[in-house]
Structures are given as C-alpha cells and as structure tokens.
Amino acid sequence: MKLGIGAAIGFFLAFLGLKGAGIIAADPSTFVTMGSLTAAPALLALIGIIITLILYVKQVPASVFIGLVLTAIIGVIFTLAGFGTGDVLMPAVPAQAISFDFDLSLFGACFNGFGTLFNNIPNLIMMLFSLVFVTFFDTTGTLMAIGRQCGFIDEEGHAAGIEKAFLADAVGGIVGAVFGTSTVTAYVESATGVGLGGKTGLAAIVTGILFFLSIIFAPLVLGLFTSPVTCAALVIVGILMIGQLKEVEWDNIVVASSVFMTIVMMILTYSISLGIAWGFVVYAVASIASGKAKELGWAIWLMVIVFVIYLFFGL
C-alpha cells in the first residue's frame, strides 16, 4: 500500500499538471478528454515537458529547474509575440514586480463562527471527523510518498521523525486558518522540489524563506510561473515517482488489486484520501477472499471500518 500510494501520487501530480495546462480538459460525454494542443497554454506546456525531459535524460544538473525557467522565458516570448496574449495561464512580465498591498481582511475570521459552532453537537462531530480524516490521510500519503522519494523510509517502511512533520503540518494548518489563507499543509507538489535535489532540512528552511519573500514578489512570481510552466516539473516528477511500482508484488492479486484501486481512484476522485480509502477497503476484501484475513492486525480492520463509513456515508 505504501508503494501504491507513492506511485498514485506520482500519477496524480502528472494529472494535476496536464489539467492545469489545458492538455487534459473536461468533457460532458466522457468527463475528461484531450484539450486543444494548438492553444497557447497547452503548446507551451508540451514544449516545457520536451525540454525538461531532454535535459533530464542528458543528466543535466537541476534539469527540472532549468526547464521551468526556459519554459517561462518561452512563454513570455509567446505573449509578447501576440500568441496567447490575454490568457491568464500564459506567462507575462507584470507592470509591477513588487507589491506591499496585503489583504488582511480575513485575519481572525475563523473565530467568528465559534458562537454557533456548538449549537448542533452531532453535526459538529461529523464535521470534525471528516476534516480530521481528510487532513490526516492526505498528509500521511503525501509525507510517506515524498519521504520515500527522499530516501527517508527504511526497509520496514518506517519514517524516522515523521511525527515532527505531522506537528509542523498541524501547526501550519492552525496558523493558516487564523491568517485567513488557504490551508497550510503538506502538498504533493513538494515532490517537485525533491526532484530538484532539495531533500534536507536546510532545503526546507530556504524554501520557507523564499516563500516568505515571494509574498512581496507575488506579482512577478504569479505572472511568470503559471500552470503551463509548472506542468513539465509535475509530469517529470510524476514519472520518477511511479518507479516505485517495480517493487510491487504484481503476481499477488491481493496486493495488485489494492494498488490498482489506490492509483485509479486517487486520480479519478481527485483526492489522495479517497484513493487511500479505496485501496484499504479492496485490500481487506481481497484478503478475506484469499483466506488471509487473519493476517491483518486489528489496526488495519479499524482503519477499514473507518474508511467504509467515510466512503459510503460521507461522514
């Protein structure tokens, strides 16, 4: 399951990148289809993927980062030449590179609803369960997959010091809520940084500082590094992450079925936690059918029960 979750996140990353660039688009008949490859964002993303893939195959140091920069430059050239001008997905040099115009209107707004929060205890319990469930398993899947990519997972599948990462994630979520931002949590896109070689605590600190500085340079960063530009990085890192599948016991139907469902459902439901839930439920069902149910510990069965409740009752 750990291998399956890591690979599934790799596929999910690639899907996010392709969707954001317009290469994959919505369709009323088939739900998803291929977008117009002649559209400026999609064409730019394809050029970025080709450039980054060539650099990576040639073993050029920092190939993913160089691919990002080159794709952004090509995108600006496209825009200046009139190809894709006005499209919000296309890179463009903003008129203002630095901004101190911060919107703090939502600071502390999370406390406004506490007056009515405890009026309906059953609903409160269901909301807390849902939020904790999604957050915990999204974070767990992300940390395990990226930790394996970094080489922090031992042969028994344990990640030393992962409790500190969970604590940082929890504190970040609370602080982010107070400031009124979108959830501050571990994101699967962090795999892109790992693909660039950032695998240490120092890399994380530097990244944090740069994120802080990017608040000031937000117009420039958001103007240049749009979805088509980052698409290549997500696709290439996704390719690297699915390499974990070679260690899966594909001749074991119990393992193969659970890994398959984890990957498919994570992509199709657009949710890491739902993909994990389906994988565990299928693993339990296949284990019962194969007569290996007794090999599963009580903790696995408890998780399966929770996953079933979450999947079928939406709690």
Protein backbone atom coordinates (compact mmCIF):
# COMPACT_ATOMS: atom_id res chain seq x y z
CA MET A 1 0.00 0.00 0.00
CA LYS A 2 2.85 2.38 0.79
CA LEU A 3 4.35 1.74 -2.64
CA GLY A 4 0.94 2.10 -4.26
CA ILE A 5 0.22 5.41 -2.52
CA GLY A 6 3.58 6.83 -3.60
CA ALA A 7 3.04 5.81 -7.21
CA ALA A 8 -0.55 7.04 -7.14
CA ILE A 9 0.63 10.46 -6.03
CA GLY A 10 3.05 10.44 -8.97
CA PHE A 11 0.17 9.84 -11.39
CA PHE A 12 -1.89 12.45 -9.52
CA LEU A 13 0.88 15.03 -9.89
CA ALA A 14 1.08 14.44 -13.62
CA PHE A 15 -2.70 14.69 -13.92
CA LEU A 16 -2.69 17.99 -11.99
CA GLY A 17 -0.05 19.39 -14.31
CA LEU A 18 -1.75 18.28 -17.53
CA LYS A 19 -5.13 19.53 -16.35
CA GLY A 20 -3.76 22.89 -15.24
CA ALA A 21 -2.15 23.42 -18.66
CA GLY A 22 -5.29 22.52 -20.59
CA ILE A 23 -3.81 19.38 -22.15
CA ILE A 24 -6.48 17.44 -20.27
CA ALA A 25 -9.89 19.09 -20.33
CA ALA A 26 -13.41 18.41 -19.10
CA ASP A 27 -15.90 16.79 -21.45
CA PRO A 28 -19.68 16.38 -20.90
CA SER A 29 -19.71 12.99 -22.60
CA THR A 30 -16.52 11.34 -21.38
CA PHE A 31 -15.80 13.53 -18.31
CA VAL A 32 -12.20 14.06 -19.47
CA THR A 33 -10.66 14.40 -22.90
CA MET A 34 -7.61 15.89 -24.58
CA GLY A 35 -7.70 19.65 -24.88
CA SER A 36 -6.64 21.70 -27.88
CA LEU A 37 -2.90 21.21 -28.26
CA THR A 38 -2.68 24.26 -30.53
CA ALA A 39 -3.89 26.53 -27.72
CA ALA A 40 -1.07 28.64 -26.33
CA PRO A 41 -1.06 27.21 -22.75
CA ALA A 42 -1.15 23.57 -23.89
CA LEU A 43 1.52 24.09 -26.54
CA LEU A 44 3.76 25.88 -24.05
CA ALA A 45 3.34 23.03 -21.55
CA LEU A 46 4.24 20.44 -24.20
CA ILE A 47 7.36 22.39 -25.14
CA GLY A 48 8.29 22.57 -21.46
CA ILE A 49 7.82 18.82 -21.00
CA ILE A 50 10.01 18.07 -24.03
CA ILE A 51 12.74 20.48 -22.89
CA THR A 52 12.75 19.20 -19.31
CA LEU A 53 12.69 15.55 -20.39
CA ILE A 54 15.65 16.06 -22.74
CA LEU A 55 17.62 17.85 -20.02
CA TYR A 56 16.84 15.08 -17.52
CA VAL A 57 17.79 12.30 -19.94
CA LYS A 58 21.04 14.13 -20.66
CA GLN A 59 21.59 14.20 -16.86
CA VAL A 60 21.92 17.98 -16.77
CA PRO A 61 22.16 19.17 -13.13
CA ALA A 62 18.99 20.94 -11.92
CA SER A 63 17.27 19.94 -15.16
CA VAL A 64 13.77 20.42 -13.75
CA PHE A 65 14.56 23.93 -12.52
CA ILE A 66 16.25 24.88 -15.80
CA GLY A 67 13.22 23.52 -17.63
CA LEU A 68 10.95 25.75 -15.54
CA VAL A 69 12.99 28.87 -16.30
CA LEU A 70 13.30 28.14 -20.02
CA THR A 71 9.58 27.41 -20.30
CA ALA A 72 8.75 30.67 -18.52
CA ILE A 73 11.00 32.60 -20.92
CA ILE A 74 9.44 30.94 -23.96
CA GLY A 75 6.00 31.73 -22.55
CA VAL A 76 6.86 35.41 -22.19
CA ILE A 77 8.12 35.42 -25.80
CA PHE A 78 4.83 33.83 -26.90
CA THR A 79 2.87 36.50 -25.07
CA LEU A 80 4.96 39.38 -26.42
CA ALA A 81 4.55 37.95 -29.93
CA GLY A 82 0.78 38.00 -29.50
CA PHE A 83 0.30 34.24 -29.18
CA GLY A 84 -1.89 33.69 -26.14
CA THR A 85 -1.98 37.35 -25.17
CA GLY A 86 -4.66 37.96 -22.56
CA ASP A 87 -4.81 34.33 -21.47
CA VAL A 88 -4.38 34.23 -17.68
CA LEU A 89 -2.46 30.94 -17.99
CA MET A 90 0.25 32.44 -20.17
CA PRO A 91 3.40 33.91 -18.56
CA ALA A 92 3.73 37.66 -18.78
CA VAL A 93 6.00 40.25 -17.22
CA PRO A 94 3.75 42.23 -14.85
CA ALA A 95 3.80 46.01 -14.80
CA GLN A 96 4.52 45.84 -11.07
CA ALA A 97 7.04 43.26 -9.85
CA ILE A 98 6.81 44.12 -6.15
CA SER A 99 3.68 44.71 -4.09
CA PHE A 100 3.06 45.53 -0.43
CA ASP A 101 -0.71 45.56 -0.87
CA PHE A 102 -1.65 42.81 1.59
CA ASP A 103 -5.25 41.83 2.17
CA LEU A 104 -5.69 41.18 5.91
CA SER A 105 -9.48 41.39 5.93
CA LEU A 106 -9.81 37.67 6.78
CA PHE A 107 -7.31 37.72 9.65
CA GLY A 108 -9.00 36.15 12.67
CA ALA A 109 -12.23 35.49 10.74
CA CYS A 110 -12.02 31.81 11.75
CA PHE A 111 -13.14 32.78 15.27
CA ASN A 112 -16.39 34.40 14.10
CA GLY A 113 -18.30 31.13 13.91
CA PHE A 114 -17.45 29.81 17.37
CA GLY A 115 -20.65 31.29 18.78
CA THR A 116 -22.84 28.89 16.77
CA LEU A 117 -20.37 26.01 16.44
CA PHE A 118 -21.61 24.09 19.47
CA ASN A 119 -25.34 24.53 18.80
CA ASN A 120 -25.51 21.20 16.96
CA ILE A 121 -23.15 18.68 18.57
CA PRO A 122 -23.89 15.74 16.16
CA ASN A 123 -23.10 17.89 13.13
CA LEU A 124 -20.02 19.21 14.89
CA ILE A 125 -18.75 15.66 15.49
CA MET A 126 -19.33 14.70 11.85
CA MET A 127 -17.55 17.82 10.62
CA LEU A 128 -14.58 17.21 12.89
CA PHE A 129 -14.38 13.57 11.82
CA SER A 130 -14.46 14.49 8.13
CA LEU A 131 -11.87 17.24 8.46
CA VAL A 132 -9.50 15.15 10.58
CA PHE A 133 -9.93 12.13 8.31
CA VAL A 134 -9.19 14.01 5.07
CA THR A 135 -6.35 16.04 6.56
CA PHE A 136 -4.68 13.10 8.29
CA PHE A 137 -4.70 10.73 5.34
CA ASP A 138 -3.89 13.40 2.76
CA THR A 139 -0.88 14.39 4.86
CA THR A 140 0.11 10.79 5.59
CA GLY A 141 0.01 9.82 1.93
CA THR A 142 1.98 12.90 0.94
CA LEU A 143 4.65 12.53 3.64
CA MET A 144 5.15 8.81 3.04
CA ALA A 145 5.43 9.23 -0.73
CA ILE A 146 7.80 12.18 -0.59
CA GLY A 147 9.75 10.61 2.29
CA ARG A 148 10.32 7.52 0.17
CA GLN A 149 11.43 9.72 -2.73
CA CYS A 150 13.92 11.40 -0.39
CA GLY A 151 15.21 8.07 0.89
CA PHE A 152 13.94 8.62 4.46
CA ILE A 153 11.88 5.42 4.56
CA ASP A 154 13.70 2.37 5.92
CA GLU A 155 13.34 -1.23 4.71
CA GLU A 156 10.46 -1.84 7.12
CA GLY A 157 8.55 1.16 5.78
CA HIS A 158 9.15 3.40 8.80
CA ALA A 159 9.98 7.09 8.52
CA ALA A 160 12.19 8.36 11.33
CA GLY A 161 11.00 11.68 12.78
CA ILE A 162 7.74 11.75 10.82
CA GLU A 163 5.91 12.88 13.98
CA LYS A 164 7.74 16.22 13.71
CA ALA A 165 6.46 16.63 10.16
CA PHE A 166 2.91 15.92 11.37
CA LEU A 167 3.34 18.51 14.13
CA ALA A 168 4.59 21.12 11.65
CA ASP A 169 1.66 20.34 9.37
CA ALA A 170 -0.85 20.69 12.22
CA VAL A 171 0.62 23.98 13.47
CA GLY A 172 0.73 25.30 9.91
CA GLY A 173 -2.95 24.48 9.43
CA ILE A 174 -3.91 26.34 12.61
CA VAL A 175 -1.78 29.40 11.86
CA GLY A 176 -3.01 29.49 8.26
CA ALA A 177 -6.62 29.40 9.44
CA VAL A 178 -6.04 32.32 11.80
CA PHE A 179 -4.48 34.38 9.00
CA GLY A 180 -7.38 33.54 6.68
CA THR A 181 -5.31 31.83 3.99
CA SER A 182 -5.95 28.58 2.17
CA THR A 183 -4.91 25.56 4.22
CA VAL A 184 -1.20 25.49 5.10
CA THR A 185 -0.35 21.81 4.79
CA ALA A 186 1.96 19.32 3.12
CA TYR A 187 1.36 19.42 -0.63
CA VAL A 188 2.16 16.71 -3.17
CA GLU A 189 3.77 19.39 -5.35
CA SER A 190 6.65 19.33 -2.85
CA ALA A 191 7.84 16.33 -4.82
CA THR A 192 8.95 18.80 -7.47
CA GLY A 193 11.43 20.33 -5.02
CA VAL A 194 12.69 16.88 -4.09
CA GLY A 195 13.16 16.16 -7.79
CA LEU A 196 15.40 19.24 -7.93
CA GLY A 197 17.55 17.81 -5.12
CA GLY A 198 16.03 19.54 -2.09
CA LYS A 199 15.97 16.65 0.39
CA THR A 200 17.34 18.15 3.62
CA GLY A 201 16.07 20.30 6.48
CA LEU A 202 18.22 23.16 5.20
CA ALA A 203 16.44 22.97 1.85
CA ALA A 204 13.10 23.21 3.67
CA ILE A 205 14.24 26.29 5.61
CA VAL A 206 15.50 28.00 2.47
CA THR A 207 12.24 27.16 0.71
CA GLY A 208 10.28 28.67 3.60
CA ILE A 209 12.31 31.87 3.46
CA LEU A 210 11.81 32.10 -0.30
CA PHE A 211 8.07 31.55 0.13
CA PHE A 212 8.02 34.41 2.63
CA LEU A 213 9.88 36.66 0.20
CA SER A 214 7.59 35.59 -2.62
CA ILE A 215 4.73 37.37 -0.84
CA ILE A 216 6.39 40.65 -1.76
CA PHE A 217 7.27 39.46 -5.27
CA ALA A 218 3.89 37.79 -5.79
CA PRO A 219 3.04 39.75 -8.99
CA LEU A 220 6.29 38.63 -10.65
CA VAL A 221 6.13 35.02 -9.44
CA LEU A 222 2.47 34.54 -10.33
CA GLY A 223 2.96 36.31 -13.64
CA LEU A 224 5.83 34.11 -14.84
CA PHE A 225 5.33 30.67 -13.27
CA THR A 226 1.81 29.82 -14.36
CA SER A 227 0.25 26.35 -14.69
CA PRO A 228 1.66 25.59 -18.18
CA VAL A 229 5.15 26.45 -16.91
CA THR A 230 4.96 24.20 -13.85
CA CYS A 231 3.28 21.40 -15.81
CA ALA A 232 6.60 19.97 -17.02
CA ALA A 233 8.00 19.74 -13.50
CA LEU A 234 4.92 17.94 -12.21
CA VAL A 235 4.91 15.47 -15.12
CA ILE A 236 8.63 14.67 -14.85
CA VAL A 237 8.47 14.22 -11.07
CA GLY A 238 5.37 12.07 -11.54
CA ILE A 239 7.34 9.86 -13.92
CA LEU A 240 10.08 9.46 -11.33
CA MET A 241 7.63 8.58 -8.55
CA ILE A 242 5.91 5.76 -10.40
CA GLY A 243 9.22 3.89 -10.43
CA GLN A 244 8.17 2.51 -7.04
CA LEU A 245 5.74 0.19 -8.83
CA LYS A 246 8.59 -2.12 -9.81
CA GLU A 247 8.77 -3.25 -6.17
CA VAL A 248 5.08 -4.21 -6.02
CA GLU A 249 4.26 -7.94 -5.94
CA TRP A 250 2.13 -7.93 -9.08
CA ASP A 251 1.71 -11.71 -9.01
CA ASN A 252 -0.12 -11.32 -5.67
CA ILE A 253 -3.73 -10.45 -6.56
CA VAL A 254 -4.41 -9.03 -3.09
CA VAL A 255 -1.58 -6.54 -3.44
CA ALA A 256 -2.14 -5.85 -7.14
CA SER A 257 -5.86 -5.12 -6.73
CA SER A 258 -5.37 -2.73 -3.81
CA VAL A 259 -2.53 -0.86 -5.52
CA PHE A 260 -4.54 -0.60 -8.74
CA MET A 261 -7.60 0.79 -6.97
CA THR A 262 -5.48 3.24 -4.98
CA ILE A 263 -3.99 4.66 -8.17
CA VAL A 264 -7.19 4.73 -10.22
CA MET A 265 -9.43 6.18 -7.53
CA MET A 266 -6.91 8.79 -6.40
CA ILE A 267 -6.80 10.18 -9.94
CA LEU A 268 -10.49 9.84 -10.80
CA THR A 269 -11.79 11.20 -7.48
CA TYR A 270 -9.15 13.95 -7.42
CA SER A 271 -8.42 13.10 -3.80
CA ILE A 272 -5.48 11.48 -2.04
CA SER A 273 -7.57 10.41 0.97
CA LEU A 274 -10.25 8.76 -1.18
CA GLY A 275 -7.60 6.86 -3.13
CA ILE A 276 -6.11 5.56 0.12
CA ALA A 277 -9.56 4.63 1.42
CA TRP A 278 -10.43 2.58 -1.66
CA GLY A 279 -7.05 0.85 -1.56
CA PHE A 280 -7.50 -0.27 2.05
CA VAL A 281 -11.08 -1.47 1.53
CA VAL A 282 -10.13 -3.50 -1.55
CA TYR A 283 -7.11 -4.90 0.30
CA ALA A 284 -9.37 -6.12 3.12
CA VAL A 285 -11.95 -7.64 0.75
CA ALA A 286 -9.26 -9.40 -1.30
CA SER A 287 -7.60 -10.69 1.89
CA ILE A 288 -10.90 -12.19 3.07
CA ALA A 289 -11.49 -13.81 -0.32
CA SER A 290 -8.00 -15.32 -0.34
CA GLY A 291 -8.32 -16.68 3.20
CA LYS A 292 -5.68 -14.33 4.61
CA ALA A 293 -7.96 -12.19 6.76
CA LYS A 294 -6.35 -13.50 9.97
CA GLU A 295 -3.02 -11.99 8.88
CA LEU A 296 -4.42 -8.49 9.17
CA GLY A 297 -3.99 -6.77 12.54
CA TRP A 298 -6.77 -5.06 14.48
CA ALA A 299 -5.45 -1.64 13.48
CA ILE A 300 -5.97 -2.48 9.80
CA TRP A 301 -9.53 -3.61 10.44
CA LEU A 302 -10.24 -0.46 12.43
CA MET A 303 -8.99 1.66 9.54
CA VAL A 304 -11.06 -0.36 7.07
CA ILE A 305 -14.21 0.24 9.13
CA VAL A 306 -13.47 3.96 9.26
CA PHE A 307 -12.82 4.03 5.50
CA VAL A 308 -16.09 2.21 4.77
CA ILE A 309 -18.03 4.69 6.90
CA TYR A 310 -16.29 7.57 5.14
CA LEU A 311 -16.85 6.20 1.63
CA PHE A 312 -20.47 5.09 1.94
CA PHE A 313 -21.87 7.59 4.41
CA GLY A 314 -19.71 10.61 3.63
CA LEU A 315 -19.03 11.36 7.29
